Protein backbone atom coordinates (compact mmCIF):
# COMPACT_ATOMS: atom_id res chain seq x y z
CA MET A 1 199.46 30.33 -38.54
CA ASP A 2 197.73 33.34 -36.58
CA ARG A 3 195.72 32.44 -34.15
CA ASN A 4 192.13 33.79 -36.13
CA ARG A 5 193.43 31.31 -39.24
CA ARG A 6 193.63 28.23 -36.69
CA THR A 7 190.15 29.03 -34.76
CA GLU A 8 188.73 28.95 -38.01
CA LEU A 9 190.02 25.80 -38.98
CA LEU A 10 189.73 24.23 -35.55
CA ALA A 11 185.87 24.82 -36.48
CA ALA A 12 186.00 23.59 -39.26
CA SER A 13 188.01 20.65 -38.73
CA GLN A 14 186.27 16.45 -38.00
CA SER A 15 184.97 16.32 -35.22
CA GLN A 16 186.95 12.56 -34.58
CA GLU A 17 190.44 14.29 -35.47
CA VAL A 18 189.68 17.24 -33.01
CA ARG A 19 188.56 15.08 -30.23
CA GLN A 20 191.99 12.48 -30.79
CA LEU A 21 194.22 15.22 -30.72
CA ALA A 22 193.03 16.64 -27.65
CA GLU A 23 193.17 13.25 -25.78
CA THR A 24 196.14 12.81 -26.53
CA PHE A 25 197.58 16.32 -25.17
CA LEU A 26 195.41 15.34 -22.37
CA SER A 27 196.98 12.33 -21.34
CA GLU A 28 200.31 14.54 -20.66
CA ARG A 29 200.10 15.17 -16.90
CA ALA A 30 201.16 18.80 -17.04
CA ILE A 31 198.21 20.03 -19.62
CA ALA A 32 195.55 17.83 -17.21
CA GLU A 33 196.81 19.14 -13.67
CA GLU A 34 196.56 23.17 -15.18
CA LEU A 35 193.50 22.80 -17.50
CA HIS A 36 190.93 24.92 -16.10
CA VAL A 37 187.35 25.48 -18.09
CA ILE A 38 186.62 28.89 -18.43
CA CYS A 39 183.66 28.63 -20.34
CA PRO A 40 181.98 24.91 -20.55
CA PRO A 41 180.33 24.14 -23.78
CA GLU A 42 177.08 26.42 -24.28
CA ILE A 43 174.96 26.02 -27.04
CA GLY A 44 173.47 29.01 -28.73
CA MET A 45 172.71 30.61 -31.75
CA ILE A 46 174.46 33.67 -33.77
CA MET A 47 173.41 35.50 -36.86
CA MET A 48 175.17 34.14 -39.90
CA GLN A 49 176.58 36.77 -42.35
CA VAL A 50 177.36 35.96 -45.79
CA ARG A 51 178.92 37.43 -48.73
CA GLU A 52 176.92 37.28 -52.24
CA PRO A 53 179.42 36.29 -55.14
CA VAL A 54 178.68 39.10 -57.47
CA CYS A 55 178.79 42.53 -55.53
CA ARG A 56 180.76 40.67 -52.95
CA GLU A 57 178.41 42.88 -50.19
CA ARG A 58 177.36 41.19 -46.97
CA PHE A 59 174.55 40.17 -45.58
CA HIS A 60 172.49 38.44 -42.85
CA LEU A 61 171.47 34.79 -43.85
CA GLY A 62 169.89 33.44 -40.83
CA GLU A 63 170.61 32.05 -37.23
CA VAL A 64 172.56 29.11 -36.96
CA VAL A 65 172.84 26.82 -33.87
CA VAL A 66 176.49 27.29 -32.41
CA THR A 67 178.36 25.74 -29.15
CA ARG A 68 181.63 27.76 -27.46
CA ALA A 69 183.87 26.83 -24.73
CA GLU A 70 187.13 28.73 -23.49
CA VAL A 71 189.50 27.12 -21.22
CA ALA A 72 193.39 28.25 -20.10
CA ILE A 73 196.46 26.29 -19.66
CA ALA A 74 198.90 27.80 -17.58
CA GLY A 75 197.34 31.22 -18.11
CA PHE A 76 197.16 30.51 -21.92
CA ARG A 77 193.33 30.96 -23.02
CA GLY A 78 191.58 29.09 -25.89
CA TRP A 79 188.46 29.48 -27.20
CA ALA A 80 186.24 27.65 -29.74
CA VAL A 81 183.16 28.25 -31.74
CA ARG A 82 181.71 25.18 -33.55
CA ALA A 83 178.58 24.89 -35.29
CA GLY A 84 176.18 22.69 -34.31
CA SER A 85 175.48 21.09 -30.97
CA ASP A 86 178.74 19.17 -30.22
CA ARG A 87 179.35 20.15 -26.85
CA GLU A 88 182.53 17.61 -26.45
CA THR A 89 184.26 18.78 -29.86
CA ALA A 90 183.73 22.32 -28.90
CA LEU A 91 185.79 21.85 -25.62
CA ALA A 92 188.31 19.99 -27.41
CA ALA A 93 188.81 22.85 -29.73
CA ALA A 94 189.12 24.99 -27.17
CA LEU A 95 191.72 22.83 -25.84
CA LEU A 96 193.74 22.82 -28.69
CA ASP A 97 193.50 26.57 -29.29
CA ALA A 98 194.85 26.59 -25.68
CA CYS A 99 198.02 23.74 -26.10
CA ALA A 100 198.69 25.85 -29.19
CA GLU A 101 199.31 28.70 -27.21
CA TYR A 102 201.34 26.82 -24.55
CA ASP A 103 203.86 24.65 -26.22
CA SER A 104 205.48 25.17 -29.52
CA LYS A 105 205.36 21.22 -29.89
CA MET A 106 201.54 20.85 -29.21
CA ALA A 107 201.12 24.01 -32.09
CA ASN A 108 203.09 22.23 -34.49
CA GLN A 109 199.89 19.17 -33.88
CA VAL A 110 197.41 21.58 -33.94
CA THR A 111 198.69 23.47 -37.43
CA GLU A 112 199.06 20.09 -39.12
CA LEU A 113 195.38 19.12 -38.37
CA CYS A 114 194.27 22.75 -39.74
CA ASP A 115 196.67 22.29 -42.56
CA LEU A 116 194.84 18.87 -43.11
CA THR A 117 191.26 20.55 -42.81
CA ALA A 118 192.37 23.69 -45.58
CA GLN A 119 193.28 21.07 -47.64
CA ARG A 120 189.71 19.46 -47.44
CA ILE A 121 188.41 22.50 -47.97
CA ALA A 122 190.36 23.43 -50.82
CA ALA A 123 189.33 19.93 -52.34
CA ASP A 124 185.92 20.53 -51.65
CA GLU A 125 185.38 23.76 -53.34
CA ARG A 126 187.41 22.44 -56.31
CA SER A 127 185.38 19.70 -56.82
CA GLU A 128 181.80 21.71 -56.14
CA TRP A 129 183.13 24.71 -58.75
CA GLN A 130 183.99 21.62 -61.10
CA GLU A 131 180.48 20.61 -61.00
CA LEU A 132 178.98 24.31 -61.79
CA LEU A 133 181.60 24.56 -64.45
CA ALA A 134 179.40 21.76 -66.76
CA THR A 135 176.36 24.47 -66.12
CA ALA A 136 178.39 27.53 -67.42
CA VAL A 137 177.24 29.23 -70.69
CA ALA A 138 179.42 30.87 -72.97
CA PHE A 139 178.47 33.53 -75.06
CA GLU A 140 179.69 34.47 -78.59
CA GLU A 141 180.11 38.32 -79.35
CA LEU A 142 178.77 39.08 -82.92
CA ASP A 143 180.68 41.76 -85.43
């Protein structure tokens, strides 16, 4: 899994799961000793872009509240941006990103969390499409 996809999925992962895995990693002495917070969790606003579904053109929907954080473990940097104002989870997500760069065993655990998140997102999208399918209009062509 590439880093862009990993950070995208960490941003969408359930808060409790992100914090729990981060706490597991922090219990390892080497991680706790080497951890440096580069940018503590900051709450701010960013412009949200969306793509309209017909012509696939991007447009600015509006500003949304986000929290960002950045850490380093033995020189391996990790960062996160999550929607909302949950500082603890943003810091935990940054830690998970750094851990994935730092250690392959940890990377596997982070990838498992990301895969679970991707499956949940896909299931939610399928469910949403099933609900929308009932509103579809079928046209017949006349000769």
